[in-house]
Amino acid sequence: MVDVNKKELEQQVIIDGREYGISYAIFRNVIGKKLGLNITDFEALDLIFFRGVTTPSELSKYTGVSSGSTTIMIDRLEKAGLVQRKANPKDRRGTLVVINPAGANKVAPLFSSAREAQNKLLASFSERDLKIISDYFKQSADMFETERKKI
């Protein structure tokens, strides 16, 4: 009986994780539309915000578009005032892509309410719960990276 309940809980976690992913994707798409960006441009912007700095090659890998399309995408993000290109100090032929501070000021207010709601939600969990949730997400990310390499 315990095994059946555990299996049902495992399935529910998978379902809830997918619902979370869908909800977050829809939320990001709405933000992207507010900024006048297509889905791929916003995914790239999201990565740059998360990492702080990235390369065109990493953006190409992350978005799945060709290097030429990545260059055009960076051009659009730069024209929108959201990112800047900088010389790569470790590779004189390379370029780094960073957030334009003025662009960050344009994007931040669109996330402020969600950030407050997320902080309130997280505060409702115990420290033990947060460690479990964090561990699940970390292990899931590692698992999906391993599975991606198999494909």
C-alpha atoms as a PDB file:
ATOM      1  CA  MET A   1       0.000   0.000   0.000  1.00  0.00           C
ATOM      2  CA  VAL A   2       2.856   2.396   0.813  1.00  0.00           C
ATOM      3  CA  ASP A   3       4.482   1.638  -2.546  1.00  0.00           C
ATOM      4  CA  VAL A   4       1.280   2.502  -4.436  1.00  0.00           C
ATOM      5  CA  ASN A   5       1.003   5.804  -2.565  1.00  0.00           C
ATOM      6  CA  LYS A   6       4.672   6.577  -3.237  1.00  0.00           C
ATOM      7  CA  LYS A   7       4.222   5.782  -6.939  1.00  0.00           C
ATOM      8  CA  GLU A   8       1.193   8.066  -7.076  1.00  0.00           C
ATOM      9  CA  LEU A   9       3.194  10.817  -5.391  1.00  0.00           C
ATOM     10  CA  GLU A  10       6.068  10.323  -7.843  1.00  0.00           C
ATOM     11  CA  GLN A  11       3.633  10.677 -10.748  1.00  0.00           C
ATOM     12  CA  GLN A  12       2.098  13.770  -9.152  1.00  0.00           C
ATOM     13  CA  VAL A  13       5.555  15.370  -8.805  1.00  0.00           C
ATOM     14  CA  ILE A  14       6.190  14.718 -12.512  1.00  0.00           C
ATOM     15  CA  ILE A  15       2.797  16.178 -13.463  1.00  0.00           C
ATOM     16  CA  ASP A  16       3.270  19.202 -11.213  1.00  0.00           C
ATOM     17  CA  GLY A  17       6.772  19.762 -12.586  1.00  0.00           C
ATOM     18  CA  ARG A  18       5.420  19.789 -16.128  1.00  0.00           C
ATOM     19  CA  GLU A  19       2.625  22.177 -15.117  1.00  0.00           C
ATOM     20  CA  TYR A  20       5.240  24.436 -13.523  1.00  0.00           C
ATOM     21  CA  GLY A  21       7.328  24.369 -16.700  1.00  0.00           C
ATOM     22  CA  ILE A  22       4.331  25.188 -18.888  1.00  0.00           C
ATOM     23  CA  SER A  23       3.184  27.989 -16.572  1.00  0.00           C
ATOM     24  CA  TYR A  24       6.655  29.512 -16.419  1.00  0.00           C
ATOM     25  CA  ALA A  25       7.059  29.309 -20.216  1.00  0.00           C
ATOM     26  CA  ILE A  26       3.714  31.057 -20.753  1.00  0.00           C
ATOM     27  CA  PHE A  27       4.680  33.718 -18.196  1.00  0.00           C
ATOM     28  CA  ARG A  28       8.029  34.322 -19.937  1.00  0.00           C
ATOM     29  CA  ASN A  29       6.301  34.490 -23.318  1.00  0.00           C
ATOM     30  CA  VAL A  30       3.990  37.238 -22.033  1.00  0.00           C
ATOM     31  CA  ILE A  31       7.023  39.186 -20.760  1.00  0.00           C
ATOM     32  CA  GLY A  32       8.755  38.664 -24.099  1.00  0.00           C
ATOM     33  CA  LYS A  33       5.748  40.036 -25.973  1.00  0.00           C
ATOM     34  CA  LYS A  34       5.709  43.088 -23.675  1.00  0.00           C
ATOM     35  CA  LEU A  35       9.324  43.683 -24.688  1.00  0.00           C
ATOM     36  CA  GLY A  36       8.596  43.068 -28.375  1.00  0.00           C
ATOM     37  CA  LEU A  37      10.690  39.899 -28.476  1.00  0.00           C
ATOM     38  CA  ASN A  38      10.017  36.555 -30.062  1.00  0.00           C
ATOM     39  CA  ILE A  39      10.319  33.388 -27.977  1.00  0.00           C
ATOM     40  CA  THR A  40      13.880  32.582 -29.017  1.00  0.00           C
ATOM     41  CA  ASP A  41      15.100  36.137 -28.383  1.00  0.00           C
ATOM     42  CA  PHE A  42      13.563  36.090 -24.921  1.00  0.00           C
ATOM     43  CA  GLU A  43      15.043  32.664 -24.123  1.00  0.00           C
ATOM     44  CA  ALA A  44      18.450  34.073 -25.026  1.00  0.00           C
ATOM     45  CA  LEU A  45      17.838  37.166 -22.900  1.00  0.00           C
ATOM     46  CA  ASP A  46      16.783  34.942 -19.999  1.00  0.00           C
ATOM     47  CA  LEU A  47      20.065  33.006 -20.252  1.00  0.00           C
ATOM     48  CA  ILE A  48      22.092  36.229 -20.333  1.00  0.00           C
ATOM     49  CA  PHE A  49      20.273  37.529 -17.247  1.00  0.00           C
ATOM     50  CA  PHE A  50      20.849  34.219 -15.459  1.00  0.00           C
ATOM     51  CA  ARG A  51      24.529  33.873 -16.351  1.00  0.00           C
ATOM     52  CA  GLY A  52      25.405  37.585 -16.325  1.00  0.00           C
ATOM     53  CA  VAL A  53      27.621  37.081 -19.340  1.00  0.00           C
ATOM     54  CA  THR A  54      27.641  34.605 -22.199  1.00  0.00           C
ATOM     55  CA  THR A  55      29.129  34.035 -25.623  1.00  0.00           C
ATOM     56  CA  PRO A  56      27.387  33.863 -28.980  1.00  0.00           C
ATOM     57  CA  SER A  57      28.354  30.174 -29.164  1.00  0.00           C
ATOM     58  CA  GLU A  58      26.661  29.437 -25.855  1.00  0.00           C
ATOM     59  CA  LEU A  59      23.543  31.321 -26.996  1.00  0.00           C
ATOM     60  CA  SER A  60      23.512  29.300 -30.201  1.00  0.00           C
ATOM     61  CA  LYS A  61      23.774  26.043 -28.242  1.00  0.00           C
ATOM     62  CA  TYR A  62      21.079  27.123 -25.753  1.00  0.00           C
ATOM     63  CA  THR A  63      18.562  28.350 -28.336  1.00  0.00           C
ATOM     64  CA  GLY A  64      19.317  25.738 -30.978  1.00  0.00           C
ATOM     65  CA  VAL A  65      19.731  28.282 -33.770  1.00  0.00           C
ATOM     66  CA  SER A  66      22.637  28.599 -36.194  1.00  0.00           C
ATOM     67  CA  SER A  67      25.564  30.929 -35.548  1.00  0.00           C
ATOM     68  CA  GLY A  68      24.306  33.296 -38.265  1.00  0.00           C
ATOM     69  CA  SER A  69      20.834  33.414 -36.718  1.00  0.00           C
ATOM     70  CA  THR A  70      22.422  33.949 -33.307  1.00  0.00           C
ATOM     71  CA  THR A  71      24.297  36.992 -34.636  1.00  0.00           C
ATOM     72  CA  ILE A  72      21.040  38.434 -35.995  1.00  0.00           C
ATOM     73  CA  MET A  73      19.299  37.677 -32.681  1.00  0.00           C
ATOM     74  CA  ILE A  74      22.030  39.489 -30.720  1.00  0.00           C
ATOM     75  CA  ASP A  75      21.702  42.400 -33.165  1.00  0.00           C
ATOM     76  CA  ARG A  76      17.958  42.601 -32.370  1.00  0.00           C
ATOM     77  CA  LEU A  77      18.550  42.442 -28.611  1.00  0.00           C
ATOM     78  CA  GLU A  78      21.253  45.080 -28.884  1.00  0.00           C
ATOM     79  CA  LYS A  79      19.040  47.345 -31.026  1.00  0.00           C
ATOM     80  CA  ALA A  80      16.282  46.984 -28.397  1.00  0.00           C
ATOM     81  CA  GLY A  81      18.769  48.269 -25.805  1.00  0.00           C
ATOM     82  CA  LEU A  82      18.703  45.049 -23.806  1.00  0.00           C
ATOM     83  CA  VAL A  83      22.236  43.705 -24.325  1.00  0.00           C
ATOM     84  CA  GLN A  84      25.706  44.892 -25.200  1.00  0.00           C
ATOM     85  CA  ARG A  85      28.589  43.203 -26.945  1.00  0.00           C
ATOM     86  CA  LYS A  86      31.962  43.407 -25.230  1.00  0.00           C
ATOM     87  CA  ALA A  87      35.392  42.207 -26.247  1.00  0.00           C
ATOM     88  CA  ASN A  88      36.347  38.890 -24.663  1.00  0.00           C
ATOM     89  CA  PRO A  89      39.503  39.542 -22.603  1.00  0.00           C
ATOM     90  CA  LYS A  90      40.423  35.824 -22.829  1.00  0.00           C
ATOM     91  CA  ASP A  91      40.038  35.645 -26.633  1.00  0.00           C
ATOM     92  CA  ARG A  92      40.817  38.763 -28.665  1.00  0.00           C
ATOM     93  CA  ARG A  93      38.685  37.462 -31.543  1.00  0.00           C
ATOM     94  CA  GLY A  94      35.792  36.562 -29.242  1.00  0.00           C
ATOM     95  CA  THR A  95      32.764  38.506 -28.104  1.00  0.00           C
ATOM     96  CA  LEU A  96      30.877  38.451 -24.837  1.00  0.00           C
ATOM     97  CA  VAL A  97      27.207  39.353 -24.548  1.00  0.00           C
ATOM     98  CA  VAL A  98      26.100  41.126 -21.364  1.00  0.00           C
ATOM     99  CA  ILE A  99      22.960  42.832 -20.139  1.00  0.00           C
ATOM    100  CA  ASN A 100      22.744  46.536 -20.879  1.00  0.00           C
ATOM    101  CA  PRO A 101      22.036  48.216 -17.499  1.00  0.00           C
ATOM    102  CA  ALA A 102      19.325  50.351 -19.140  1.00  0.00           C
ATOM    103  CA  GLY A 103      17.796  47.141 -20.495  1.00  0.00           C
ATOM    104  CA  ALA A 104      17.810  45.603 -17.029  1.00  0.00           C
ATOM    105  CA  ASN A 105      15.868  48.624 -15.788  1.00  0.00           C
ATOM    106  CA  LYS A 106      13.316  48.019 -18.549  1.00  0.00           C
ATOM    107  CA  VAL A 107      12.892  44.317 -17.730  1.00  0.00           C
ATOM    108  CA  ALA A 108      13.038  44.318 -13.905  1.00  0.00           C
ATOM    109  CA  PRO A 109       9.608  45.906 -13.288  1.00  0.00           C
ATOM    110  CA  LEU A 110       7.954  43.185 -15.382  1.00  0.00           C
ATOM    111  CA  PHE A 111       9.212  40.562 -12.919  1.00  0.00           C
ATOM    112  CA  SER A 112       8.819  42.461  -9.638  1.00  0.00           C
ATOM    113  CA  SER A 113       5.334  41.196  -8.723  1.00  0.00           C
ATOM    114  CA  ALA A 114       6.244  37.603  -9.598  1.00  0.00           C
ATOM    115  CA  ARG A 115       9.479  37.888  -7.601  1.00  0.00           C
ATOM    116  CA  GLU A 116       7.541  39.117  -4.542  1.00  0.00           C
ATOM    117  CA  ALA A 117       4.976  36.306  -4.911  1.00  0.00           C
ATOM    118  CA  GLN A 118       7.756  33.747  -5.321  1.00  0.00           C
ATOM    119  CA  ASN A 119       9.552  35.028  -2.212  1.00  0.00           C
ATOM    120  CA  LYS A 120       6.301  34.805  -0.229  1.00  0.00           C
ATOM    121  CA  LEU A 121       5.720  31.249  -1.461  1.00  0.00           C
ATOM    122  CA  LEU A 122       9.263  30.170  -0.576  1.00  0.00           C
ATOM    123  CA  ALA A 123       8.955  31.726   2.890  1.00  0.00           C
ATOM    124  CA  SER A 124       6.010  29.391   3.555  1.00  0.00           C
ATOM    125  CA  PHE A 125       8.305  26.324   3.407  1.00  0.00           C
ATOM    126  CA  SER A 126      10.554  25.069   6.190  1.00  0.00           C
ATOM    127  CA  GLU A 127      14.316  25.044   5.791  1.00  0.00           C
ATOM    128  CA  ARG A 128      14.158  21.244   5.440  1.00  0.00           C
ATOM    129  CA  ASP A 129      11.504  21.522   2.706  1.00  0.00           C
ATOM    130  CA  LEU A 130      13.587  24.090   0.824  1.00  0.00           C
ATOM    131  CA  LYS A 131      16.634  21.821   0.918  1.00  0.00           C
ATOM    132  CA  ILE A 132      14.555  18.970  -0.524  1.00  0.00           C
ATOM    133  CA  ILE A 133      13.070  21.178  -3.248  1.00  0.00           C
ATOM    134  CA  SER A 134      16.479  22.615  -4.130  1.00  0.00           C
ATOM    135  CA  ASP A 135      18.016  19.142  -4.233  1.00  0.00           C
ATOM    136  CA  TYR A 136      15.255  17.892  -6.521  1.00  0.00           C
ATOM    137  CA  PHE A 137      15.748  20.754  -8.990  1.00  0.00           C
ATOM    138  CA  LYS A 138      19.553  20.393  -8.952  1.00  0.00           C
ATOM    139  CA  GLN A 139      19.424  16.648  -9.516  1.00  0.00           C
ATOM    140  CA  SER A 140      16.769  17.085 -12.226  1.00  0.00           C
ATOM    141  CA  ALA A 141      18.939  19.618 -14.055  1.00  0.00           C
ATOM    142  CA  ASP A 142      21.909  17.240 -13.894  1.00  0.00           C
ATOM    143  CA  MET A 143      19.741  14.336 -15.068  1.00  0.00           C
ATOM    144  CA  PHE A 144      18.394  16.293 -18.058  1.00  0.00           C
ATOM    145  CA  GLU A 145      21.932  17.376 -19.006  1.00  0.00           C
ATOM    146  CA  THR A 146      23.020  13.718 -18.937  1.00  0.00           C
ATOM    147  CA  GLU A 147      19.980  12.694 -21.001  1.00  0.00           C
ATOM    148  CA  ARG A 148      20.580  15.547 -23.508  1.00  0.00           C
ATOM    149  CA  LYS A 149      24.089  14.227 -24.139  1.00  0.00           C
ATOM    150  CA  LYS A 150      22.666  10.790 -24.959  1.00  0.00           C
ATOM    151  CA  ILE A 151      20.480  12.144 -27.763  1.00  0.00           C
END
